[in-house]
Amino acid sequence: DSDENGELYQPMFDALDAVGNRAPMIAFPDGGGSSFWHDRAT
């Protein structure tokens, strides 16, 4: 029941900044409300 914006909160940005030049790019895909991220009928 979340989406691609679900983790765009201050703690994530603070944590990203804290690891400095080791910081990864982060992809937050939208996976539908209840896909459970596996290959299925939907």
PDB file of all heavy atoms in Angstrom:
ATOM      1  N   ASP A   1       0.806  -1.224   0.000  1.00  0.00           N
ATOM      2  CA  ASP A   1       0.000   0.000   0.000  1.00  0.00           C
ATOM      3  C   ASP A   1       0.840   1.275   0.000  1.00  0.00           C
ATOM      4  O   ASP A   1       0.332   2.349   0.329  1.00  0.00           O
ATOM      5  CB  ASP A   1      -0.969   0.019   1.193  1.00  0.00           C
ATOM      6  CG  ASP A   1      -1.989  -1.104   1.121  1.00  0.00           C
ATOM      7  OD1 ASP A   1      -2.359  -1.486  -0.006  1.00  0.00           O
ATOM      8  OD2 ASP A   1      -2.396  -1.602   2.186  1.00  0.00           O
ATOM      9  N   SER A   2       2.095   1.164  -0.395  1.00  0.00           N
ATOM     10  CA  SER A   2       2.938   2.347  -0.549  1.00  0.00           C
ATOM     11  C   SER A   2       3.217   2.536  -2.041  1.00  0.00           C
ATOM     12  O   SER A   2       2.543   1.950  -2.885  1.00  0.00           O
ATOM     13  CB  SER A   2       4.238   2.187   0.250  1.00  0.00           C
ATOM     14  OG  SER A   2       4.996   3.376   0.241  1.00  0.00           O
ATOM     15  N   ASP A   3       4.211   3.358  -2.374  1.00  0.00           N
ATOM     16  CA  ASP A   3       4.540   3.603  -3.767  1.00  0.00           C
ATOM     17  C   ASP A   3       5.974   4.111  -3.866  1.00  0.00           C
ATOM     18  O   ASP A   3       6.756   3.998  -2.911  1.00  0.00           O
ATOM     19  CB  ASP A   3       3.553   4.580  -4.412  1.00  0.00           C
ATOM     20  CG  ASP A   3       3.517   5.951  -3.732  1.00  0.00           C
ATOM     21  OD1 ASP A   3       4.490   6.304  -3.036  1.00  0.00           O
ATOM     22  OD2 ASP A   3       2.522   6.667  -3.906  1.00  0.00           O
ATOM     23  N   GLU A   4       6.325   4.682  -5.003  1.00  0.00           N
ATOM     24  CA  GLU A   4       7.702   5.106  -5.252  1.00  0.00           C
ATOM     25  C   GLU A   4       8.137   6.266  -4.359  1.00  0.00           C
ATOM     26  O   GLU A   4       9.337   6.554  -4.253  1.00  0.00           O
ATOM     27  CB  GLU A   4       7.890   5.470  -6.727  1.00  0.00           C
ATOM     28  CG  GLU A   4       7.277   6.792  -7.168  1.00  0.00           C
ATOM     29  CD  GLU A   4       5.784   6.734  -7.446  1.00  0.00           C
ATOM     30  OE1 GLU A   4       5.153   5.684  -7.190  1.00  0.00           O
ATOM     31  OE2 GLU A   4       5.246   7.756  -7.923  1.00  0.00           O
ATOM     32  N   ASN A   5       7.198   6.932  -3.713  1.00  0.00           N
ATOM     33  CA  ASN A   5       7.532   8.042  -2.812  1.00  0.00           C
ATOM     34  C   ASN A   5       7.633   7.612  -1.352  1.00  0.00           C
ATOM     35  O   ASN A   5       7.905   8.446  -0.486  1.00  0.00           O
ATOM     36  CB  ASN A   5       6.463   9.135  -2.911  1.00  0.00           C
ATOM     37  CG  ASN A   5       6.404   9.758  -4.280  1.00  0.00           C
ATOM     38  OD1 ASN A   5       7.423  10.122  -4.847  1.00  0.00           O
ATOM     39  ND2 ASN A   5       5.200   9.885  -4.831  1.00  0.00           N
ATOM     40  N   GLY A   6       7.421   6.340  -1.080  1.00  0.00           N
ATOM     41  CA  GLY A   6       7.220   5.888   0.283  1.00  0.00           C
ATOM     42  C   GLY A   6       8.377   6.079   1.236  1.00  0.00           C
ATOM     43  O   GLY A   6       8.173   6.115   2.452  1.00  0.00           O
ATOM     44  N   GLU A   7       9.607   6.207   0.725  1.00  0.00           N
ATOM     45  CA  GLU A   7      10.768   6.380   1.613  1.00  0.00           C
ATOM     46  C   GLU A   7      11.449   7.728   1.435  1.00  0.00           C
ATOM     47  O   GLU A   7      12.575   7.925   1.922  1.00  0.00           O
ATOM     48  CB  GLU A   7      11.775   5.247   1.395  1.00  0.00           C
ATOM     49  CG  GLU A   7      11.263   3.891   1.825  1.00  0.00           C
ATOM     50  CD  GLU A   7      10.793   3.866   3.269  1.00  0.00           C
ATOM     51  OE1 GLU A   7      11.534   4.376   4.131  1.00  0.00           O
ATOM     52  OE2 GLU A   7       9.687   3.351   3.526  1.00  0.00           O
ATOM     53  N   LEU A   8      10.800   8.657   0.763  1.00  0.00           N
ATOM     54  CA  LEU A   8      11.401   9.979   0.568  1.00  0.00           C
ATOM     55  C   LEU A   8      11.159  10.853   1.797  1.00  0.00           C
ATOM     56  O   LEU A   8      10.384  11.807   1.772  1.00  0.00           O
ATOM     57  CB  LEU A   8      10.852  10.632  -0.695  1.00  0.00           C
ATOM     58  CG  LEU A   8      11.161   9.898  -2.000  1.00  0.00           C
ATOM     59  CD1 LEU A   8      10.619  10.687  -3.184  1.00  0.00           C
ATOM     60  CD2 LEU A   8      12.647   9.662  -2.165  1.00  0.00           C
ATOM     61  N   TYR A   9      11.836  10.486   2.870  1.00  0.00           N
ATOM     62  CA  TYR A   9      11.736  11.190   4.132  1.00  0.00           C
ATOM     63  C   TYR A   9      13.127  11.636   4.580  1.00  0.00           C
ATOM     64  O   TYR A   9      14.146  11.115   4.110  1.00  0.00           O
ATOM     65  CB  TYR A   9      11.103  10.293   5.204  1.00  0.00           C
ATOM     66  CG  TYR A   9       9.610  10.137   5.051  1.00  0.00           C
ATOM     67  CD1 TYR A   9       9.077   9.104   4.286  1.00  0.00           C
ATOM     68  CD2 TYR A   9       8.734  11.021   5.667  1.00  0.00           C
ATOM     69  CE1 TYR A   9       7.715   8.953   4.140  1.00  0.00           C
ATOM     70  CE2 TYR A   9       7.363  10.881   5.531  1.00  0.00           C
ATOM     71  CZ  TYR A   9       6.850   9.841   4.768  1.00  0.00           C
ATOM     72  OH  TYR A   9       5.499   9.704   4.613  1.00  0.00           O
ATOM     73  N   GLN A  10      13.147  12.557   5.519  1.00  0.00           N
ATOM     74  CA  GLN A  10      14.415  13.137   5.955  1.00  0.00           C
ATOM     75  C   GLN A  10      15.435  12.112   6.438  1.00  0.00           C
ATOM     76  O   GLN A  10      16.621  12.226   6.115  1.00  0.00           O
ATOM     77  CB  GLN A  10      14.170  14.184   7.054  1.00  0.00           C
ATOM     78  CG  GLN A  10      15.382  15.067   7.334  1.00  0.00           C
ATOM     79  CD  GLN A  10      15.793  15.877   6.108  1.00  0.00           C
ATOM     80  OE1 GLN A  10      14.979  16.571   5.526  1.00  0.00           O
ATOM     81  NE2 GLN A  10      17.060  15.770   5.720  1.00  0.00           N
ATOM     82  N   PRO A  11      15.049  11.094   7.225  1.00  0.00           N
ATOM     83  CA  PRO A  11      16.065  10.127   7.676  1.00  0.00           C
ATOM     84  C   PRO A  11      16.817   9.447   6.538  1.00  0.00           C
ATOM     85  O   PRO A  11      18.017   9.173   6.659  1.00  0.00           O
ATOM     86  CB  PRO A  11      15.250   9.122   8.492  1.00  0.00           C
ATOM     87  CG  PRO A  11      14.102   9.912   9.006  1.00  0.00           C
ATOM     88  CD  PRO A  11      13.743  10.850   7.876  1.00  0.00           C
ATOM     89  N   MET A  12      16.140   9.188   5.416  1.00  0.00           N
ATOM     90  CA  MET A  12      16.836   8.569   4.288  1.00  0.00           C
ATOM     91  C   MET A  12      17.867   9.524   3.696  1.00  0.00           C
ATOM     92  O   MET A  12      19.005   9.126   3.407  1.00  0.00           O
ATOM     93  CB  MET A  12      15.819   8.133   3.224  1.00  0.00           C
ATOM     94  CG  MET A  12      16.405   7.341   2.049  1.00  0.00           C
ATOM     95  SD  MET A  12      17.143   8.375   0.745  1.00  0.00           S
ATOM     96  CE  MET A  12      15.681   9.203   0.125  1.00  0.00           C
ATOM     97  N   PHE A  13      17.500  10.791   3.519  1.00  0.00           N
ATOM     98  CA  PHE A  13      18.450  11.760   2.971  1.00  0.00           C
ATOM     99  C   PHE A  13      19.610  12.013   3.932  1.00  0.00           C
ATOM    100  O   PHE A  13      20.752  12.171   3.500  1.00  0.00           O
ATOM    101  CB  PHE A  13      17.731  13.069   2.634  1.00  0.00           C
ATOM    102  CG  PHE A  13      16.840  12.981   1.433  1.00  0.00           C
ATOM    103  CD1 PHE A  13      15.469  12.821   1.573  1.00  0.00           C
ATOM    104  CD2 PHE A  13      17.366  13.031   0.149  1.00  0.00           C
ATOM    105  CE1 PHE A  13      14.644  12.732   0.469  1.00  0.00           C
ATOM    106  CE2 PHE A  13      16.558  12.942  -0.966  1.00  0.00           C
ATOM    107  CZ  PHE A  13      15.184  12.791  -0.806  1.00  0.00           C
ATOM    108  N   ASP A  14      19.339  12.043   5.225  1.00  0.00           N
ATOM    109  CA  ASP A  14      20.414  12.207   6.211  1.00  0.00           C
ATOM    110  C   ASP A  14      21.381  11.032   6.150  1.00  0.00           C
ATOM    111  O   ASP A  14      22.604  11.202   6.206  1.00  0.00           O
ATOM    112  CB  ASP A  14      19.836  12.319   7.618  1.00  0.00           C
ATOM    113  CG  ASP A  14      19.062  13.613   7.848  1.00  0.00           C
ATOM    114  OD1 ASP A  14      19.226  14.566   7.051  1.00  0.00           O
ATOM    115  OD2 ASP A  14      18.296  13.663   8.833  1.00  0.00           O
ATOM    116  N   ALA A  15      20.829   9.821   6.055  1.00  0.00           N
ATOM    117  CA  ALA A  15      21.665   8.624   5.997  1.00  0.00           C
ATOM    118  C   ALA A  15      22.499   8.589   4.723  1.00  0.00           C
ATOM    119  O   ALA A  15      23.672   8.184   4.736  1.00  0.00           O
ATOM    120  CB  ALA A  15      20.788   7.382   6.094  1.00  0.00           C
ATOM    121  N   LEU A  16      21.905   9.014   3.618  1.00  0.00           N
ATOM    122  CA  LEU A  16      22.627   9.054   2.345  1.00  0.00           C
ATOM    123  C   LEU A  16      23.797  10.028   2.432  1.00  0.00           C
ATOM    124  O   LEU A  16      24.918   9.736   1.982  1.00  0.00           O
ATOM    125  CB  LEU A  16      21.669   9.468   1.228  1.00  0.00           C
ATOM    126  CG  LEU A  16      22.180   9.389  -0.213  1.00  0.00           C
ATOM    127  CD1 LEU A  16      22.426   7.939  -0.614  1.00  0.00           C
ATOM    128  CD2 LEU A  16      21.171  10.036  -1.167  1.00  0.00           C
ATOM    129  N   ASP A  17      23.563  11.182   3.018  1.00  0.00           N
ATOM    130  CA  ASP A  17      24.622  12.186   3.171  1.00  0.00           C
ATOM    131  C   ASP A  17      25.725  11.693   4.092  1.00  0.00           C
ATOM    132  O   ASP A  17      26.911  11.977   3.866  1.00  0.00           O
ATOM    133  CB  ASP A  17      24.018  13.477   3.708  1.00  0.00           C
ATOM    134  CG  ASP A  17      25.045  14.576   3.900  1.00  0.00           C
ATOM    135  OD1 ASP A  17      25.637  15.017   2.890  1.00  0.00           O
ATOM    136  OD2 ASP A  17      25.258  14.992   5.051  1.00  0.00           O
ATOM    137  N   ALA A  18      25.364  10.924   5.115  1.00  0.00           N
ATOM    138  CA  ALA A  18      26.337  10.506   6.127  1.00  0.00           C
ATOM    139  C   ALA A  18      27.391   9.545   5.582  1.00  0.00           C
ATOM    140  O   ALA A  18      28.492   9.467   6.133  1.00  0.00           O
ATOM    141  CB  ALA A  18      25.614   9.868   7.306  1.00  0.00           C
ATOM    142  N   VAL A  19      27.085   8.804   4.509  1.00  0.00           N
ATOM    143  CA  VAL A  19      28.077   7.865   3.973  1.00  0.00           C
ATOM    144  C   VAL A  19      28.993   8.517   2.940  1.00  0.00           C
ATOM    145  O   VAL A  19      29.851   7.855   2.347  1.00  0.00           O
ATOM    146  CB  VAL A  19      27.411   6.599   3.389  1.00  0.00           C
ATOM    147  CG1 VAL A  19      26.731   5.807   4.484  1.00  0.00           C
ATOM    148  CG2 VAL A  19      26.423   6.937   2.280  1.00  0.00           C
ATOM    149  N   GLY A  20      28.826   9.811   2.707  1.00  0.00           N
ATOM    150  CA  GLY A  20      29.770  10.573   1.887  1.00  0.00           C
ATOM    151  C   GLY A  20      29.877  10.077   0.464  1.00  0.00           C
ATOM    152  O   GLY A  20      28.871   9.791  -0.197  1.00  0.00           O
ATOM    153  N   ASN A  21      31.107   9.967  -0.022  1.00  0.00           N
ATOM    154  CA  ASN A  21      31.338   9.590  -1.420  1.00  0.00           C
ATOM    155  C   ASN A  21      31.020   8.127  -1.719  1.00  0.00           C
ATOM    156  O   ASN A  21      31.087   7.708  -2.879  1.00  0.00           O
ATOM    157  CB  ASN A  21      32.778   9.897  -1.824  1.00  0.00           C
ATOM    158  CG  ASN A  21      32.962  11.352  -2.203  1.00  0.00           C
ATOM    159  OD1 ASN A  21      32.026  12.010  -2.655  1.00  0.00           O
ATOM    160  ND2 ASN A  21      34.159  11.876  -2.000  1.00  0.00           N
ATOM    161  N   ARG A  22      30.692   7.359  -0.696  1.00  0.00           N
ATOM    162  CA  ARG A  22      30.261   5.980  -0.926  1.00  0.00           C
ATOM    163  C   ARG A  22      28.748   5.894  -1.166  1.00  0.00           C
ATOM    164  O   ARG A  22      28.220   4.798  -1.367  1.00  0.00           O
ATOM    165  CB  ARG A  22      30.627   5.100   0.270  1.00  0.00           C
ATOM    166  CG  ARG A  22      32.116   4.979   0.528  1.00  0.00           C
ATOM    167  CD  ARG A  22      32.406   3.869   1.514  1.00  0.00           C
ATOM    168  NE  ARG A  22      31.637   4.027   2.755  1.00  0.00           N
ATOM    169  CZ  ARG A  22      31.556   3.093   3.704  1.00  0.00           C
ATOM    170  NH1 ARG A  22      32.177   1.934   3.556  1.00  0.00           N
ATOM    171  NH2 ARG A  22      30.863   3.322   4.801  1.00  0.00           N
ATOM    172  N   ALA A  23      28.068   7.029  -1.150  1.00  0.00           N
ATOM    173  CA  ALA A  23      26.610   7.033  -1.278  1.00  0.00           C
ATOM    174  C   ALA A  23      26.169   6.449  -2.614  1.00  0.00           C
ATOM    175  O   ALA A  23      26.690   6.829  -3.669  1.00  0.00           O
ATOM    176  CB  ALA A  23      26.081   8.457  -1.126  1.00  0.00           C
ATOM    177  N   PRO A  24      25.211   5.544  -2.595  1.00  0.00           N
ATOM    178  CA  PRO A  24      24.696   4.994  -3.855  1.00  0.00           C
ATOM    179  C   PRO A  24      23.611   5.864  -4.462  1.00  0.00           C
ATOM    180  O   PRO A  24      22.963   6.655  -3.774  1.00  0.00           O
ATOM    181  CB  PRO A  24      24.100   3.649  -3.419  1.00  0.00           C
ATOM    182  CG  PRO A  24      23.612   3.917  -2.023  1.00  0.00           C
ATOM    183  CD  PRO A  24      24.612   4.891  -1.418  1.00  0.00           C
ATOM    184  N   MET A  25      23.409   5.725  -5.739  1.00  0.00           N
ATOM    185  CA  MET A  25      22.172   6.176  -6.364  1.00  0.00           C
ATOM    186  C   MET A  25      21.087   5.209  -5.895  1.00  0.00           C
ATOM    187  O   MET A  25      21.347   4.019  -5.719  1.00  0.00           O
ATOM    188  CB  MET A  25      22.315   6.139  -7.884  1.00  0.00           C
ATOM    189  CG  MET A  25      21.168   6.759  -8.652  1.00  0.00           C
ATOM    190  SD  MET A  25      21.457   6.658 -10.461  1.00  0.00           S
ATOM    191  CE  MET A  25      22.948   7.645 -10.635  1.00  0.00           C
ATOM    192  N   ILE A  26      19.873   5.713  -5.675  1.00  0.00           N
ATOM    193  CA  ILE A  26      18.802   4.842  -5.193  1.00  0.00           C
ATOM    194  C   ILE A  26      17.620   4.916  -6.147  1.00  0.00           C
ATOM    195  O   ILE A  26      17.133   6.003  -6.469  1.00  0.00           O
ATOM    196  CB  ILE A  26      18.336   5.220  -3.781  1.00  0.00           C
ATOM    197  CG1 ILE A  26      19.523   5.388  -2.833  1.00  0.00           C
ATOM    198  CG2 ILE A  26      17.382   4.149  -3.242  1.00  0.00           C
ATOM    199  CD1 ILE A  26      19.116   5.822  -1.424  1.00  0.00           C
ATOM    200  N   ALA A  27      17.166   3.765  -6.579  1.00  0.00           N
ATOM    201  CA  ALA A  27      15.957   3.670  -7.406  1.00  0.00           C
ATOM    202  C   ALA A  27      14.823   3.134  -6.544  1.00  0.00           C
ATOM    203  O   ALA A  27      14.945   2.057  -5.943  1.00  0.00           O
ATOM    204  CB  ALA A  27      16.192   2.752  -8.599  1.00  0.00           C
ATOM    205  N   PHE A  28      13.734   3.900  -6.477  1.00  0.00           N
ATOM    206  CA  PHE A  28      12.541   3.498  -5.751  1.00  0.00           C
ATOM    207  C   PHE A  28      11.422   3.247  -6.765  1.00  0.00           C
ATOM    208  O   PHE A  28      10.705   4.176  -7.149  1.00  0.00           O
ATOM    209  CB  PHE A  28      12.095   4.602  -4.781  1.00  0.00           C
ATOM    210  CG  PHE A  28      13.041   4.900  -3.652  1.00  0.00           C
ATOM    211  CD1 PHE A  28      13.864   6.022  -3.703  1.00  0.00           C
ATOM    212  CD2 PHE A  28      13.110   4.075  -2.537  1.00  0.00           C
ATOM    213  CE1 PHE A  28      14.727   6.321  -2.660  1.00  0.00           C
ATOM    214  CE2 PHE A  28      13.965   4.363  -1.482  1.00  0.00           C
ATOM    215  CZ  PHE A  28      14.775   5.489  -1.538  1.00  0.00           C
ATOM    216  N   PRO A  29      11.257   2.010  -7.234  1.00  0.00           N
ATOM    217  CA  PRO A  29      10.192   1.746  -8.204  1.00  0.00           C
ATOM    218  C   PRO A  29       8.831   1.626  -7.531  1.00  0.00           C
ATOM    219  O   PRO A  29       8.732   1.277  -6.350  1.00  0.00           O
ATOM    220  CB  PRO A  29      10.611   0.414  -8.831  1.00  0.00           C
ATOM    221  CG  PRO A  29      11.462  -0.246  -7.800  1.00  0.00           C
ATOM    222  CD  PRO A  29      12.100   0.838  -6.986  1.00  0.00           C
ATOM    223  N   ASP A  30       7.787   1.908  -8.291  1.00  0.00           N
ATOM    224  CA  ASP A  30       6.428   1.665  -7.838  1.00  0.00           C
ATOM    225  C   ASP A  30       6.066   0.234  -8.197  1.00  0.00           C
ATOM    226  O   ASP A  30       6.132  -0.157  -9.364  1.00  0.00           O
ATOM    227  CB  ASP A  30       5.460   2.646  -8.501  1.00  0.00           C
ATOM    228  CG  ASP A  30       4.023   2.475  -8.024  1.00  0.00           C
ATOM    229  OD1 ASP A  30       3.814   1.753  -7.030  1.00  0.00           O
ATOM    230  OD2 ASP A  30       3.122   3.060  -8.643  1.00  0.00           O
ATOM    231  N   GLY A  31       5.688  -0.544  -7.194  1.00  0.00           N
ATOM    232  CA  GLY A  31       5.352  -1.937  -7.444  1.00  0.00           C
ATOM    233  C   GLY A  31       3.899  -2.284  -7.233  1.00  0.00           C
ATOM    234  O   GLY A  31       3.567  -3.444  -6.985  1.00  0.00           O
ATOM    235  N   GLY A  32       3.026  -1.287  -7.323  1.00  0.00           N
ATOM    236  CA  GLY A  32       1.625  -1.572  -7.074  1.00  0.00           C
ATOM    237  C   GLY A  32       1.357  -1.764  -5.588  1.00  0.00           C
ATOM    238  O   GLY A  32       2.267  -1.932  -4.784  1.00  0.00           O
ATOM    239  N   GLY A  33       0.099  -1.746  -5.215  1.00  0.00           N
ATOM    240  CA  GLY A  33      -0.240  -1.820  -3.800  1.00  0.00           C
ATOM    241  C   GLY A  33       0.091  -3.130  -3.134  1.00  0.00           C
ATOM    242  O   GLY A  33       0.487  -3.160  -1.972  1.00  0.00           O
ATOM    243  N   SER A  34      -0.046  -4.254  -3.861  1.00  0.00           N
ATOM    244  CA  SER A  34       0.187  -5.556  -3.227  1.00  0.00           C
ATOM    245  C   SER A  34       0.744  -6.579  -4.217  1.00  0.00           C
ATOM    246  O   SER A  34       0.329  -7.738  -4.226  1.00  0.00           O
ATOM    247  CB  SER A  34      -1.105  -6.084  -2.599  1.00  0.00           C
ATOM    248  OG  SER A  34      -2.128  -6.230  -3.568  1.00  0.00           O
ATOM    249  N   SER A  35       1.698  -6.167  -5.018  1.00  0.00           N
ATOM    250  CA  SER A  35       2.297  -7.084  -5.990  1.00  0.00           C
ATOM    251  C   SER A  35       3.154  -8.145  -5.331  1.00  0.00           C
ATOM    252  O   SER A  35       3.345  -9.240  -5.858  1.00  0.00           O
ATOM    253  CB  SER A  35       3.163  -6.300  -6.985  1.00  0.00           C
ATOM    254  OG  SER A  35       4.339  -5.821  -6.349  1.00  0.00           O
ATOM    255  N   PHE A  36       3.722  -7.821  -4.187  1.00  0.00           N
ATOM    256  CA  PHE A  36       4.713  -8.641  -3.500  1.00  0.00           C
ATOM    257  C   PHE A  36       5.897  -8.971  -4.410  1.00  0.00           C
ATOM    258  O   PHE A  36       6.598  -9.952  -4.213  1.00  0.00           O
ATOM    259  CB  PHE A  36       4.087  -9.885  -2.864  1.00  0.00           C
ATOM    260  CG  PHE A  36       3.604  -9.590  -1.460  1.00  0.00           C
ATOM    261  CD1 PHE A  36       2.461  -8.837  -1.261  1.00  0.00           C
ATOM    262  CD2 PHE A  36       4.324 -10.001  -0.353  1.00  0.00           C
ATOM    263  CE1 PHE A  36       2.028  -8.514   0.015  1.00  0.00           C
ATOM    264  CE2 PHE A  36       3.901  -9.683   0.934  1.00  0.00           C
ATOM    265  CZ  PHE A  36       2.753  -8.938   1.127  1.00  0.00           C
ATOM    266  N   TRP A  37       6.104  -8.112  -5.410  1.00  0.00           N
ATOM    267  CA  TRP A  37       7.330  -8.074  -6.192  1.00  0.00           C
ATOM    268  C   TRP A  37       7.740  -9.419  -6.794  1.00  0.00           C
ATOM    269  O   TRP A  37       8.926  -9.692  -6.946  1.00  0.00           O
ATOM    270  CB  TRP A  37       8.477  -7.530  -5.329  1.00  0.00           C
ATOM    271  CG  TRP A  37       8.250  -6.131  -4.856  1.00  0.00           C
ATOM    272  CD1 TRP A  37       7.908  -5.741  -3.590  1.00  0.00           C
ATOM    273  CD2 TRP A  37       8.365  -4.916  -5.611  1.00  0.00           C
ATOM    274  NE1 TRP A  37       7.789  -4.369  -3.513  1.00  0.00           N
ATOM    275  CE2 TRP A  37       8.062  -3.832  -4.740  1.00  0.00           C
ATOM    276  CE3 TRP A  37       8.684  -4.643  -6.943  1.00  0.00           C
ATOM    277  CZ2 TRP A  37       8.076  -2.502  -5.161  1.00  0.00           C
ATOM    278  CZ3 TRP A  37       8.695  -3.319  -7.356  1.00  0.00           C
ATOM    279  CH2 TRP A  37       8.402  -2.265  -6.468  1.00  0.00           C
ATOM    280  N   HIS A  38       6.779 -10.255  -7.146  1.00  0.00           N
ATOM    281  CA  HIS A  38       7.128 -11.507  -7.811  1.00  0.00           C
ATOM    282  C   HIS A  38       6.280 -11.671  -9.068  1.00  0.00           C
ATOM    283  O   HIS A  38       5.240 -11.034  -9.239  1.00  0.00           O
ATOM    284  CB  HIS A  38       6.978 -12.710  -6.876  1.00  0.00           C
ATOM    285  CG  HIS A  38       5.565 -13.007  -6.458  1.00  0.00           C
ATOM    286  ND1 HIS A  38       4.910 -12.324  -5.448  1.00  0.00           N
ATOM    287  CD2 HIS A  38       4.670 -13.937  -6.898  1.00  0.00           C
ATOM    288  CE1 HIS A  38       3.692 -12.812  -5.284  1.00  0.00           C
ATOM    289  NE2 HIS A  38       3.516 -13.785  -6.171  1.00  0.00           N
ATOM    290  N   ASP A  39       6.741 -12.511  -9.964  1.00  0.00           N
ATOM    291  CA  ASP A  39       6.020 -12.766 -11.208  1.00  0.00           C
ATOM    292  C   ASP A  39       4.754 -13.560 -10.891  1.00  0.00           C
ATOM    293  O   ASP A  39       4.817 -14.667 -10.345  1.00  0.00           O
ATOM    294  CB  ASP A  39       6.901 -13.549 -12.186  1.00  0.00           C
ATOM    295  CG  ASP A  39       8.069 -12.721 -12.711  1.00  0.00           C
ATOM    296  OD1 ASP A  39       8.219 -11.559 -12.294  1.00  0.00           O
ATOM    297  OD2 ASP A  39       8.846 -13.261 -13.527  1.00  0.00           O
ATOM    298  N   ARG A  40       3.605 -12.987 -11.270  1.00  0.00           N
ATOM    299  CA  ARG A  40       2.319 -13.582 -10.909  1.00  0.00           C
ATOM    300  C   ARG A  40       1.268 -13.173 -11.917  1.00  0.00           C
ATOM    301  O   ARG A  40       1.591 -12.559 -12.943  1.00  0.00           O
ATOM    302  CB  ARG A  40       1.937 -13.138  -9.500  1.00  0.00           C
ATOM    303  CG  ARG A  40       1.894 -11.614  -9.369  1.00  0.00           C
ATOM    304  CD  ARG A  40       1.653 -11.153  -7.939  1.00  0.00           C
ATOM    305  NE  ARG A  40       0.413 -11.694  -7.394  1.00  0.00           N
ATOM    306  CZ  ARG A  40      -0.075 -11.352  -6.195  1.00  0.00           C
ATOM    307  NH1 ARG A  40       0.573 -10.490  -5.438  1.00  0.00           N
ATOM    308  NH2 ARG A  40      -1.200 -11.870  -5.767  1.00  0.00           N
ATOM    309  N   ALA A  41       0.013 -13.463 -11.636  1.00  0.00           N
ATOM    310  CA  ALA A  41      -1.050 -13.203 -12.602  1.00  0.00           C
ATOM    311  C   ALA A  41      -1.207 -11.720 -12.919  1.00  0.00           C
ATOM    312  O   ALA A  41      -1.553 -11.353 -14.042  1.00  0.00           O
ATOM    313  CB  ALA A  41      -2.371 -13.769 -12.080  1.00  0.00           C
ATOM    314  N   THR A  42      -0.956 -10.840 -11.947  1.00  0.00           N
ATOM    315  CA  THR A  42      -1.123  -9.407 -12.176  1.00  0.00           C
ATOM    316  C   THR A  42       0.029  -8.774 -12.931  1.00  0.00           C
ATOM    317  O   THR A  42      -0.050  -7.604 -13.318  1.00  0.00           O
ATOM    318  CB  THR A  42      -1.290  -8.665 -10.839  1.00  0.00           C
ATOM    319  OG1 THR A  42      -0.120  -8.886 -10.030  1.00  0.00           O
ATOM    320  CG2 THR A  42      -2.522  -9.157 -10.093  1.00  0.00           C
TER     321      THR A  42
END
